[in-house]
Each structure stands twice: as structure tokens, then as C-alpha cells.
Amino acid sequence: METPNNTPLSEPEIETALEQLDGWQFAENSIGKTFQFGNFREAISFIMRISFEAEEMNHHPELSNVYSQVHIALSTHDAGNRVTAKDIELARRINDISWI
């Protein structure tokens, strides 16, 4: 049985939510964003910080890293690898991570 957080969102619902998430895009049943940092250490530190949010939500993103760049793709496996409210919430949390 799907919970409300695991119910796939419609494409219009996703597009509306992305209006509030700077830089995120919808493609191939996931939302994604690429972050650029000054160096490898900053990129890996960002990934580590994301891990705390992901663990708290029990919702883990697909991450890739090449030197100073981190790409994130979000979809919910329990919802058939489609975008749900959980993905939108994790994207919001990722965008809210502060870097000093």
C-alpha cells in the first residue's frame, strides 16, 4: 500500500514544485541538479552533508561526483522509480544546505 509520500506526482505537479527549487529539472522520471564547487574536497563535503538529510528521511539519492561537480537524481524506488513528495522534500533540503 502506498503512503501519500510514495504516491507518484503528475508532471504538472512536479513542474509546479520545481518552480520553488532553483536549478532542479525534471527528466526521465526523476528530478536532478548538478552542483559545481571550487574543488574536490568541497564536493565530497557536500555529499557528506546530503547523507545526513537522506538518512533522516530514509530516502537516498543517486549521486555522481567528478572532481568538483556533484550530480543528484531523485526518484522514489517504492513508487516505481517515479517522482514523489519525498523527492521534492529532499531536493528542498539539499538546496537549503548552507556553505560558508
PDB file of N, CA and C in Angstrom:
ATOM      1  N   MET A   1       0.840  -1.189   0.000  1.00  0.00           N
ATOM      2  CA  MET A   1       0.000   0.000   0.000  1.00  0.00           C
ATOM      3  C   MET A   1       0.880   1.246   0.000  1.00  0.00           C
ATOM      4  N   GLU A   2       0.595   2.162  -0.905  1.00  0.00           N
ATOM      5  CA  GLU A   2       1.371   3.388  -0.999  1.00  0.00           C
ATOM      6  C   GLU A   2       0.928   4.391   0.050  1.00  0.00           C
ATOM      7  N   THR A   3       1.902   5.071   0.620  1.00  0.00           N
ATOM      8  CA  THR A   3       1.587   6.176   1.520  1.00  0.00           C
ATOM      9  C   THR A   3       1.535   7.443   0.691  1.00  0.00           C
ATOM     10  N   PRO A   4       0.957   8.520   1.209  1.00  0.00           N
ATOM     11  CA  PRO A   4       0.894   9.760   0.434  1.00  0.00           C
ATOM     12  C   PRO A   4       2.261  10.231  -0.067  1.00  0.00           C
ATOM     13  N   ASN A   5       3.324  10.027   0.734  1.00  0.00           N
ATOM     14  CA  ASN A   5       4.660  10.428   0.295  1.00  0.00           C
ATOM     15  C   ASN A   5       5.193   9.559  -0.833  1.00  0.00           C
ATOM     16  N   ASN A   6       4.638   8.370  -1.006  1.00  0.00           N
ATOM     17  CA  ASN A   6       5.096   7.462  -2.057  1.00  0.00           C
ATOM     18  C   ASN A   6       4.188   7.452  -3.281  1.00  0.00           C
ATOM     19  N   THR A   7       3.202   8.307  -3.299  1.00  0.00           N
ATOM     20  CA  THR A   7       2.321   8.398  -4.447  1.00  0.00           C
ATOM     21  C   THR A   7       3.008   9.222  -5.538  1.00  0.00           C
ATOM     22  N   PRO A   8       3.161   8.658  -6.738  1.00  0.00           N
ATOM     23  CA  PRO A   8       3.817   9.429  -7.803  1.00  0.00           C
ATOM     24  C   PRO A   8       3.060  10.724  -8.098  1.00  0.00           C
ATOM     25  N   LEU A   9       3.822  11.774  -8.313  1.00  0.00           N
ATOM     26  CA  LEU A   9       3.235  13.061  -8.678  1.00  0.00           C
ATOM     27  C   LEU A   9       3.017  13.118 -10.179  1.00  0.00           C
ATOM     28  N   SER A  10       2.034  13.899 -10.604  1.00  0.00           N
ATOM     29  CA  SER A  10       1.818  14.106 -12.036  1.00  0.00           C
ATOM     30  C   SER A  10       2.882  15.070 -12.558  1.00  0.00           C
ATOM     31  N   GLU A  11       3.081  15.086 -13.843  1.00  0.00           N
ATOM     32  CA  GLU A  11       4.066  16.005 -14.422  1.00  0.00           C
ATOM     33  C   GLU A  11       3.747  17.463 -14.095  1.00  0.00           C
ATOM     34  N   PRO A  12       2.474  17.907 -14.179  1.00  0.00           N
ATOM     35  CA  PRO A  12       2.176  19.286 -13.777  1.00  0.00           C
ATOM     36  C   PRO A  12       2.492  19.558 -12.307  1.00  0.00           C
ATOM     37  N   GLU A  13       2.241  18.584 -11.426  1.00  0.00           N
ATOM     38  CA  GLU A  13       2.572  18.760 -10.010  1.00  0.00           C
ATOM     39  C   GLU A  13       4.086  18.904  -9.819  1.00  0.00           C
ATOM     40  N   ILE A  14       4.836  18.109 -10.549  1.00  0.00           N
ATOM     41  CA  ILE A  14       6.299  18.176 -10.463  1.00  0.00           C
ATOM     42  C   ILE A  14       6.784  19.535 -10.961  1.00  0.00           C
ATOM     43  N   GLU A  15       6.300  19.969 -12.110  1.00  0.00           N
ATOM     44  CA  GLU A  15       6.730  21.247 -12.685  1.00  0.00           C
ATOM     45  C   GLU A  15       6.389  22.411 -11.748  1.00  0.00           C
ATOM     46  N   THR A  16       5.233  22.354 -11.115  1.00  0.00           N
ATOM     47  CA  THR A  16       4.849  23.405 -10.160  1.00  0.00           C
ATOM     48  C   THR A  16       5.809  23.401  -8.970  1.00  0.00           C
ATOM     49  N   ALA A  17       6.115  22.226  -8.445  1.00  0.00           N
ATOM     50  CA  ALA A  17       7.036  22.129  -7.300  1.00  0.00           C
ATOM     51  C   ALA A  17       8.430  22.631  -7.681  1.00  0.00           C
ATOM     52  N   LEU A  18       8.870  22.351  -8.891  1.00  0.00           N
ATOM     53  CA  LEU A  18      10.210  22.761  -9.314  1.00  0.00           C
ATOM     54  C   LEU A  18      10.349  24.275  -9.466  1.00  0.00           C
ATOM     55  N   GLU A  19       9.235  24.969  -9.596  1.00  0.00           N
ATOM     56  CA  GLU A  19       9.289  26.435  -9.649  1.00  0.00           C
ATOM     57  C   GLU A  19       9.879  27.007  -8.365  1.00  0.00           C
ATOM     58  N   GLN A  20       9.779  26.257  -7.269  1.00  0.00           N
ATOM     59  CA  GLN A  20      10.305  26.688  -5.970  1.00  0.00           C
ATOM     60  C   GLN A  20      11.687  26.093  -5.667  1.00  0.00           C
ATOM     61  N   LEU A  21      12.236  25.327  -6.598  1.00  0.00           N
ATOM     62  CA  LEU A  21      13.517  24.649  -6.381  1.00  0.00           C
ATOM     63  C   LEU A  21      14.509  25.083  -7.458  1.00  0.00           C
ATOM     64  N   ASP A  22      15.279  26.079  -7.136  1.00  0.00           N
ATOM     65  CA  ASP A  22      16.212  26.670  -8.090  1.00  0.00           C
ATOM     66  C   ASP A  22      17.168  25.633  -8.677  1.00  0.00           C
ATOM     67  N   GLY A  23      17.172  25.544 -10.002  1.00  0.00           N
ATOM     68  CA  GLY A  23      18.130  24.707 -10.708  1.00  0.00           C
ATOM     69  C   GLY A  23      17.755  23.258 -10.918  1.00  0.00           C
ATOM     70  N   TRP A  24      16.681  22.794 -10.322  1.00  0.00           N
ATOM     71  CA  TRP A  24      16.263  21.403 -10.486  1.00  0.00           C
ATOM     72  C   TRP A  24      15.444  21.256 -11.761  1.00  0.00           C
ATOM     73  N   GLN A  25      15.630  20.123 -12.438  1.00  0.00           N
ATOM     74  CA  GLN A  25      14.906  19.853 -13.675  1.00  0.00           C
ATOM     75  C   GLN A  25      14.317  18.455 -13.637  1.00  0.00           C
ATOM     76  N   PHE A  26      13.227  18.285 -14.368  1.00  0.00           N
ATOM     77  CA  PHE A  26      12.545  17.001 -14.458  1.00  0.00           C
ATOM     78  C   PHE A  26      12.876  16.358 -15.794  1.00  0.00           C
ATOM     79  N   ALA A  27      13.344  15.108 -15.749  1.00  0.00           N
ATOM     80  CA  ALA A  27      13.615  14.344 -16.970  1.00  0.00           C
ATOM     81  C   ALA A  27      13.671  12.862 -16.616  1.00  0.00           C
ATOM     82  N   GLU A  28      13.165  12.037 -17.484  1.00  0.00           N
ATOM     83  CA  GLU A  28      13.252  10.584 -17.347  1.00  0.00           C
ATOM     84  C   GLU A  28      12.796  10.088 -15.972  1.00  0.00           C
ATOM     85  N   ASN A  29      11.636  10.548 -15.538  1.00  0.00           N
ATOM     86  CA  ASN A  29      11.012  10.115 -14.282  1.00  0.00           C
ATOM     87  C   ASN A  29      11.842  10.416 -13.038  1.00  0.00           C
ATOM     88  N   SER A  30      12.683  11.442 -13.088  1.00  0.00           N
ATOM     89  CA  SER A  30      13.412  11.866 -11.890  1.00  0.00           C
ATOM     90  C   SER A  30      13.626  13.372 -11.964  1.00  0.00           C
ATOM     91  N   ILE A  31      13.973  13.946 -10.813  1.00  0.00           N
ATOM     92  CA  ILE A  31      14.382  15.348 -10.797  1.00  0.00           C
ATOM     93  C   ILE A  31      15.876  15.370 -10.509  1.00  0.00           C
ATOM     94  N   GLY A  32      16.573  16.310 -11.124  1.00  0.00           N
ATOM     95  CA  GLY A  32      18.012  16.334 -10.956  1.00  0.00           C
ATOM     96  C   GLY A  32      18.585  17.732 -10.992  1.00  0.00           C
ATOM     97  N   LYS A  33      19.790  17.812 -10.455  1.00  0.00           N
ATOM     98  CA  LYS A  33      20.517  19.077 -10.445  1.00  0.00           C
ATOM     99  C   LYS A  33      22.002  18.765 -10.355  1.00  0.00           C
ATOM    100  N   THR A  34      22.813  19.595 -11.007  1.00  0.00           N
ATOM    101  CA  THR A  34      24.260  19.489 -10.910  1.00  0.00           C
ATOM    102  C   THR A  34      24.780  20.688 -10.136  1.00  0.00           C
ATOM    103  N   PHE A  35      25.610  20.420  -9.145  1.00  0.00           N
ATOM    104  CA  PHE A  35      26.219  21.448  -8.306  1.00  0.00           C
ATOM    105  C   PHE A  35      27.699  21.541  -8.641  1.00  0.00           C
ATOM    106  N   GLN A  36      28.214  22.747  -8.738  1.00  0.00           N
ATOM    107  CA  GLN A  36      29.627  22.982  -9.034  1.00  0.00           C
ATOM    108  C   GLN A  36      30.298  23.607  -7.814  1.00  0.00           C
ATOM    109  N   PHE A  37      31.433  23.053  -7.405  1.00  0.00           N
ATOM    110  CA  PHE A  37      32.176  23.542  -6.248  1.00  0.00           C
ATOM    111  C   PHE A  37      33.576  23.973  -6.666  1.00  0.00           C
ATOM    112  N   GLY A  38      34.309  24.553  -5.741  1.00  0.00           N
ATOM    113  CA  GLY A  38      35.649  25.051  -6.029  1.00  0.00           C
ATOM    114  C   GLY A  38      36.696  23.965  -6.148  1.00  0.00           C
ATOM    115  N   ASN A  39      36.436  22.814  -5.487  1.00  0.00           N
ATOM    116  CA  ASN A  39      37.406  21.726  -5.541  1.00  0.00           C
ATOM    117  C   ASN A  39      36.743  20.422  -5.097  1.00  0.00           C
ATOM    118  N   PHE A  40      37.533  19.362  -5.160  1.00  0.00           N
ATOM    119  CA  PHE A  40      37.048  18.027  -4.817  1.00  0.00           C
ATOM    120  C   PHE A  40      36.618  17.942  -3.362  1.00  0.00           C
ATOM    121  N   ARG A  41      37.392  18.525  -2.469  1.00  0.00           N
ATOM    122  CA  ARG A  41      37.081  18.466  -1.032  1.00  0.00           C
ATOM    123  C   ARG A  41      35.710  19.079  -0.744  1.00  0.00           C
ATOM    124  N   GLU A  42      35.409  20.220  -1.361  1.00  0.00           N
ATOM    125  CA  GLU A  42      34.099  20.853  -1.163  1.00  0.00           C
ATOM    126  C   GLU A  42      32.976  19.964  -1.692  1.00  0.00           C
ATOM    127  N   ALA A  43      33.202  19.346  -2.845  1.00  0.00           N
ATOM    128  CA  ALA A  43      32.181  18.479  -3.439  1.00  0.00           C
ATOM    129  C   ALA A  43      31.889  17.282  -2.541  1.00  0.00           C
ATOM    130  N   ILE A  44      32.936  16.658  -2.019  1.00  0.00           N
ATOM    131  CA  ILE A  44      32.748  15.500  -1.144  1.00  0.00           C
ATOM    132  C   ILE A  44      32.117  15.912   0.180  1.00  0.00           C
ATOM    133  N   SER A  45      32.481  17.077   0.692  1.00  0.00           N
ATOM    134  CA  SER A  45      31.858  17.586   1.920  1.00  0.00           C
ATOM    135  C   SER A  45      30.360  17.781   1.717  1.00  0.00           C
ATOM    136  N   PHE A  46      29.980  18.280   0.546  1.00  0.00           N
ATOM    137  CA  PHE A  46      28.568  18.460   0.205  1.00  0.00           C
ATOM    138  C   PHE A  46      27.848  17.110   0.200  1.00  0.00           C
ATOM    139  N   ILE A  47      28.462  16.111  -0.398  1.00  0.00           N
ATOM    140  CA  ILE A  47      27.868  14.772  -0.423  1.00  0.00           C
ATOM    141  C   ILE A  47      27.684  14.247   1.004  1.00  0.00           C
ATOM    142  N   MET A  48      28.681  14.462   1.841  1.00  0.00           N
ATOM    143  CA  MET A  48      28.566  14.017   3.232  1.00  0.00           C
ATOM    144  C   MET A  48      27.397  14.717   3.934  1.00  0.00           C
ATOM    145  N   ARG A  49      27.240  15.999   3.681  1.00  0.00           N
ATOM    146  CA  ARG A  49      26.144  16.752   4.309  1.00  0.00           C
ATOM    147  C   ARG A  49      24.787  16.244   3.811  1.00  0.00           C
ATOM    148  N   ILE A  50      24.710  15.934   2.527  1.00  0.00           N
ATOM    149  CA  ILE A  50      23.480  15.367   1.972  1.00  0.00           C
ATOM    150  C   ILE A  50      23.139  14.055   2.673  1.00  0.00           C
ATOM    151  N   SER A  51      24.158  13.281   3.019  1.00  0.00           N
ATOM    152  CA  SER A  51      23.908  11.973   3.628  1.00  0.00           C
ATOM    153  C   SER A  51      23.116  12.086   4.932  1.00  0.00           C
ATOM    154  N   PHE A  52      23.322  13.153   5.692  1.00  0.00           N
ATOM    155  CA  PHE A  52      22.574  13.326   6.937  1.00  0.00           C
ATOM    156  C   PHE A  52      21.083  13.538   6.659  1.00  0.00           C
ATOM    157  N   GLU A  53      20.776  14.345   5.656  1.00  0.00           N
ATOM    158  CA  GLU A  53      19.368  14.582   5.289  1.00  0.00           C
ATOM    159  C   GLU A  53      18.742  13.304   4.737  1.00  0.00           C
ATOM    160  N   ALA A  54      19.486  12.610   3.888  1.00  0.00           N
ATOM    161  CA  ALA A  54      18.965  11.385   3.279  1.00  0.00           C
ATOM    162  C   ALA A  54      18.682  10.320   4.331  1.00  0.00           C
ATOM    163  N   GLU A  55      19.593  10.151   5.276  1.00  0.00           N
ATOM    164  CA  GLU A  55      19.386   9.167   6.338  1.00  0.00           C
ATOM    165  C   GLU A  55      18.200   9.543   7.213  1.00  0.00           C
ATOM    166  N   GLU A  56      18.080  10.824   7.546  1.00  0.00           N
ATOM    167  CA  GLU A  56      16.960  11.275   8.375  1.00  0.00           C
ATOM    168  C   GLU A  56      15.623  10.970   7.701  1.00  0.00           C
ATOM    169  N   MET A  57      15.579  11.134   6.399  1.00  0.00           N
ATOM    170  CA  MET A  57      14.344  10.880   5.653  1.00  0.00           C
ATOM    171  C   MET A  57      14.201   9.420   5.218  1.00  0.00           C
ATOM    172  N   ASN A  58      15.259   8.633   5.393  1.00  0.00           N
ATOM    173  CA  ASN A  58      15.312   7.277   4.842  1.00  0.00           C
ATOM    174  C   ASN A  58      14.971   7.299   3.349  1.00  0.00           C
ATOM    175  N   HIS A  59      15.618   8.215   2.667  1.00  0.00           N
ATOM    176  CA  HIS A  59      15.386   8.416   1.228  1.00  0.00           C
ATOM    177  C   HIS A  59      16.725   8.805   0.602  1.00  0.00           C
ATOM    178  N   HIS A  60      17.272   7.940  -0.223  1.00  0.00           N
ATOM    179  CA  HIS A  60      18.651   8.080  -0.654  1.00  0.00           C
ATOM    180  C   HIS A  60      18.746   8.424  -2.142  1.00  0.00           C
ATOM    181  N   PRO A  61      19.460   9.504  -2.441  1.00  0.00           N
ATOM    182  CA  PRO A  61      19.563   9.962  -3.829  1.00  0.00           C
ATOM    183  C   PRO A  61      20.583   9.161  -4.630  1.00  0.00           C
ATOM    184  N   GLU A  62      20.472   9.283  -5.923  1.00  0.00           N
ATOM    185  CA  GLU A  62      21.502   8.789  -6.825  1.00  0.00           C
ATOM    186  C   GLU A  62      22.504   9.933  -6.981  1.00  0.00           C
ATOM    187  N   LEU A  63      23.751   9.677  -6.620  1.00  0.00           N
ATOM    188  CA  LEU A  63      24.782  10.712  -6.642  1.00  0.00           C
ATOM    189  C   LEU A  63      25.911  10.310  -7.581  1.00  0.00           C
ATOM    190  N   SER A  64      26.462  11.300  -8.276  1.00  0.00           N
ATOM    191  CA  SER A  64      27.696  11.069  -9.014  1.00  0.00           C
ATOM    192  C   SER A  64      28.596  12.275  -8.808  1.00  0.00           C
ATOM    193  N   ASN A  65      29.884  12.010  -8.753  1.00  0.00           N
ATOM    194  CA  ASN A  65      30.863  13.055  -8.484  1.00  0.00           C
ATOM    195  C   ASN A  65      32.031  12.917  -9.440  1.00  0.00           C
ATOM    196  N   VAL A  66      32.392  14.027 -10.067  1.00  0.00           N
ATOM    197  CA  VAL A  66      33.616  14.123 -10.847  1.00  0.00           C
ATOM    198  C   VAL A  66      34.308  15.396 -10.404  1.00  0.00           C
ATOM    199  N   TYR A  67      35.426  15.229  -9.715  1.00  0.00           N
ATOM    200  CA  TYR A  67      36.227  16.293  -9.141  1.00  0.00           C
ATOM    201  C   TYR A  67      35.368  17.289  -8.357  1.00  0.00           C
ATOM    202  N   SER A  68      35.067  18.447  -8.923  1.00  0.00           N
ATOM    203  CA  SER A  68      34.350  19.484  -8.162  1.00  0.00           C
ATOM    204  C   SER A  68      32.861  19.559  -8.507  1.00  0.00           C
ATOM    205  N   GLN A  69      32.366  18.574  -9.195  1.00  0.00           N
ATOM    206  CA  GLN A  69      30.974  18.582  -9.630  1.00  0.00           C
ATOM    207  C   GLN A  69      30.227  17.407  -9.007  1.00  0.00           C
ATOM    208  N   VAL A  70      29.012  17.690  -8.527  1.00  0.00           N
ATOM    209  CA  VAL A  70      28.146  16.656  -7.958  1.00  0.00           C
ATOM    210  C   VAL A  70      26.818  16.702  -8.694  1.00  0.00           C
ATOM    211  N   HIS A  71      26.416  15.570  -9.246  1.00  0.00           N
ATOM    212  CA  HIS A  71      25.098  15.482  -9.881  1.00  0.00           C
ATOM    213  C   HIS A  71      24.212  14.612  -8.998  1.00  0.00           C
ATOM    214  N   ILE A  72      22.982  15.084  -8.819  1.00  0.00           N
ATOM    215  CA  ILE A  72      22.000  14.382  -7.980  1.00  0.00           C
ATOM    216  C   ILE A  72      20.766  14.099  -8.819  1.00  0.00           C
ATOM    217  N   ALA A  73      20.265  12.867  -8.716  1.00  0.00           N
ATOM    218  CA  ALA A  73      18.997  12.492  -9.337  1.00  0.00           C
ATOM    219  C   ALA A  73      18.124  11.881  -8.250  1.00  0.00           C
ATOM    220  N   LEU A  74      16.870  12.295  -8.218  1.00  0.00           N
ATOM    221  CA  LEU A  74      15.935  11.820  -7.204  1.00  0.00           C
ATOM    222  C   LEU A  74      14.696  11.207  -7.843  1.00  0.00           C
ATOM    223  N   SER A  75      14.370  10.013  -7.396  1.00  0.00           N
ATOM    224  CA  SER A  75      13.090   9.365  -7.676  1.00  0.00           C
ATOM    225  C   SER A  75      12.861   8.398  -6.524  1.00  0.00           C
ATOM    226  N   THR A  76      11.647   7.926  -6.392  1.00  0.00           N
ATOM    227  CA  THR A  76      11.300   7.054  -5.272  1.00  0.00           C
ATOM    228  C   THR A  76      11.151   5.623  -5.776  1.00  0.00           C
ATOM    229  N   HIS A  77      12.032   4.760  -5.316  1.00  0.00           N
ATOM    230  CA  HIS A  77      12.023   3.368  -5.764  1.00  0.00           C
ATOM    231  C   HIS A  77      10.718   2.668  -5.419  1.00  0.00           C
ATOM    232  N   ASP A  78      10.169   2.957  -4.217  1.00  0.00           N
ATOM    233  CA  ASP A  78       8.914   2.322  -3.786  1.00  0.00           C
ATOM    234  C   ASP A  78       7.712   2.777  -4.598  1.00  0.00           C
ATOM    235  N   ALA A  79       7.905   3.795  -5.426  1.00  0.00           N
ATOM    236  CA  ALA A  79       6.805   4.295  -6.261  1.00  0.00           C
ATOM    237  C   ALA A  79       7.094   4.011  -7.739  1.00  0.00           C
ATOM    238  N   GLY A  80       7.860   2.965  -7.992  1.00  0.00           N
ATOM    239  CA  GLY A  80       8.160   2.597  -9.369  1.00  0.00           C
ATOM    240  C   GLY A  80       9.168   3.524 -10.029  1.00  0.00           C
ATOM    241  N   ASN A  81      10.087   4.067  -9.214  1.00  0.00           N
ATOM    242  CA  ASN A  81      11.108   4.995  -9.717  1.00  0.00           C
ATOM    243  C   ASN A  81      10.491   6.219 -10.384  1.00  0.00           C
ATOM    244  N   ARG A  82       9.495   6.754  -9.722  1.00  0.00           N
ATOM    245  CA  ARG A  82       8.852   7.987 -10.177  1.00  0.00           C
ATOM    246  C   ARG A  82       9.020   9.038  -9.103  1.00  0.00           C
ATOM    247  N   VAL A  83       8.759  10.280  -9.447  1.00  0.00           N
ATOM    248  CA  VAL A  83       8.929  11.402  -8.520  1.00  0.00           C
ATOM    249  C   VAL A  83       7.732  11.486  -7.582  1.00  0.00           C
ATOM    250  N   THR A  84       8.044  11.628  -6.283  1.00  0.00           N
ATOM    251  CA  THR A  84       7.015  11.759  -5.254  1.00  0.00           C
ATOM    252  C   THR A  84       7.318  12.991  -4.400  1.00  0.00           C
ATOM    253  N   ALA A  85       6.458  13.223  -3.429  1.00  0.00           N
ATOM    254  CA  ALA A  85       6.674  14.331  -2.492  1.00  0.00           C
ATOM    255  C   ALA A  85       7.972  14.157  -1.711  1.00  0.00           C
ATOM    256  N   LYS A  86       8.401  12.918  -1.477  1.00  0.00           N
ATOM    257  CA  LYS A  86       9.668  12.670  -0.787  1.00  0.00           C
ATOM    258  C   LYS A  86      10.840  13.250  -1.575  1.00  0.00           C
ATOM    259  N   ASP A  87      10.787  13.134  -2.880  1.00  0.00           N
ATOM    260  CA  ASP A  87      11.863  13.663  -3.727  1.00  0.00           C
ATOM    261  C   ASP A  87      11.888  15.184  -3.686  1.00  0.00           C
ATOM    262  N   ILE A  88      10.712  15.769  -3.732  1.00  0.00           N
ATOM    263  CA  ILE A  88      10.616  17.232  -3.673  1.00  0.00           C
ATOM    264  C   ILE A  88      11.159  17.729  -2.342  1.00  0.00           C
ATOM    265  N   GLU A  89      10.809  17.056  -1.250  1.00  0.00           N
ATOM    266  CA  GLU A  89      11.275  17.458   0.071  1.00  0.00           C
ATOM    267  C   GLU A  89      12.796  17.307   0.198  1.00  0.00           C
ATOM    268  N   LEU A  90      13.350  16.207  -0.295  1.00  0.00           N
ATOM    269  CA  LEU A  90      14.798  16.036  -0.215  1.00  0.00           C
ATOM    270  C   LEU A  90      15.515  17.074  -1.083  1.00  0.00           C
ATOM    271  N   ALA A  91      14.971  17.384  -2.247  1.00  0.00           N
ATOM    272  CA  ALA A  91      15.565  18.427  -3.092  1.00  0.00           C
ATOM    273  C   ALA A  91      15.549  19.769  -2.367  1.00  0.00           C
ATOM    274  N   ARG A  92      14.455  20.071  -1.683  1.00  0.00           N
ATOM    275  CA  ARG A  92      14.371  21.322  -0.926  1.00  0.00           C
ATOM    276  C   ARG A  92      15.437  21.354   0.164  1.00  0.00           C
ATOM    277  N   ARG A  93      15.580  20.243   0.881  1.00  0.00           N
ATOM    278  CA  ARG A  93      16.583  20.178   1.941  1.00  0.00           C
ATOM    279  C   ARG A  93      17.994  20.327   1.377  1.00  0.00           C
ATOM    280  N   ILE A  94      18.243  19.704   0.243  1.00  0.00           N
ATOM    281  CA  ILE A  94      19.564  19.819  -0.386  1.00  0.00           C
ATOM    282  C   ILE A  94      19.834  21.265  -0.768  1.00  0.00           C
ATOM    283  N   ASN A  95      18.849  21.942  -1.348  1.00  0.00           N
ATOM    284  CA  ASN A  95      19.025  23.344  -1.719  1.00  0.00           C
ATOM    285  C   ASN A  95      19.254  24.237  -0.494  1.00  0.00           C
ATOM    286  N   ASP A  96      18.710  23.827   0.653  1.00  0.00           N
ATOM    287  CA  ASP A  96      18.846  24.629   1.875  1.00  0.00           C
ATOM    288  C   ASP A  96      20.179  24.438   2.589  1.00  0.00           C
ATOM    289  N   ILE A  97      20.963  23.476   2.171  1.00  0.00           N
ATOM    290  CA  ILE A  97      22.263  23.270   2.808  1.00  0.00           C
ATOM    291  C   ILE A  97      23.125  24.505   2.584  1.00  0.00           C
ATOM    292  N   SER A  98      23.654  25.053   3.679  1.00  0.00           N
ATOM    293  CA  SER A  98      24.454  26.300   3.604  1.00  0.00           C
ATOM    294  C   SER A  98      25.931  25.966   3.498  1.00  0.00           C
ATOM    295  N   TRP A  99      26.624  26.746   2.707  1.00  0.00           N
ATOM    296  CA  TRP A  99      28.081  26.625   2.598  1.00  0.00           C
ATOM    297  C   TRP A  99      28.694  27.960   3.009  1.00  0.00           C
ATOM    298  N   ILE A 100      29.645  27.890   3.925  1.00  0.00           N
ATOM    299  CA  ILE A 100      30.302  29.114   4.405  1.00  0.00           C
ATOM    300  C   ILE A 100      31.597  29.301   3.652  1.00  0.00           C
TER     301      ILE A 100
END
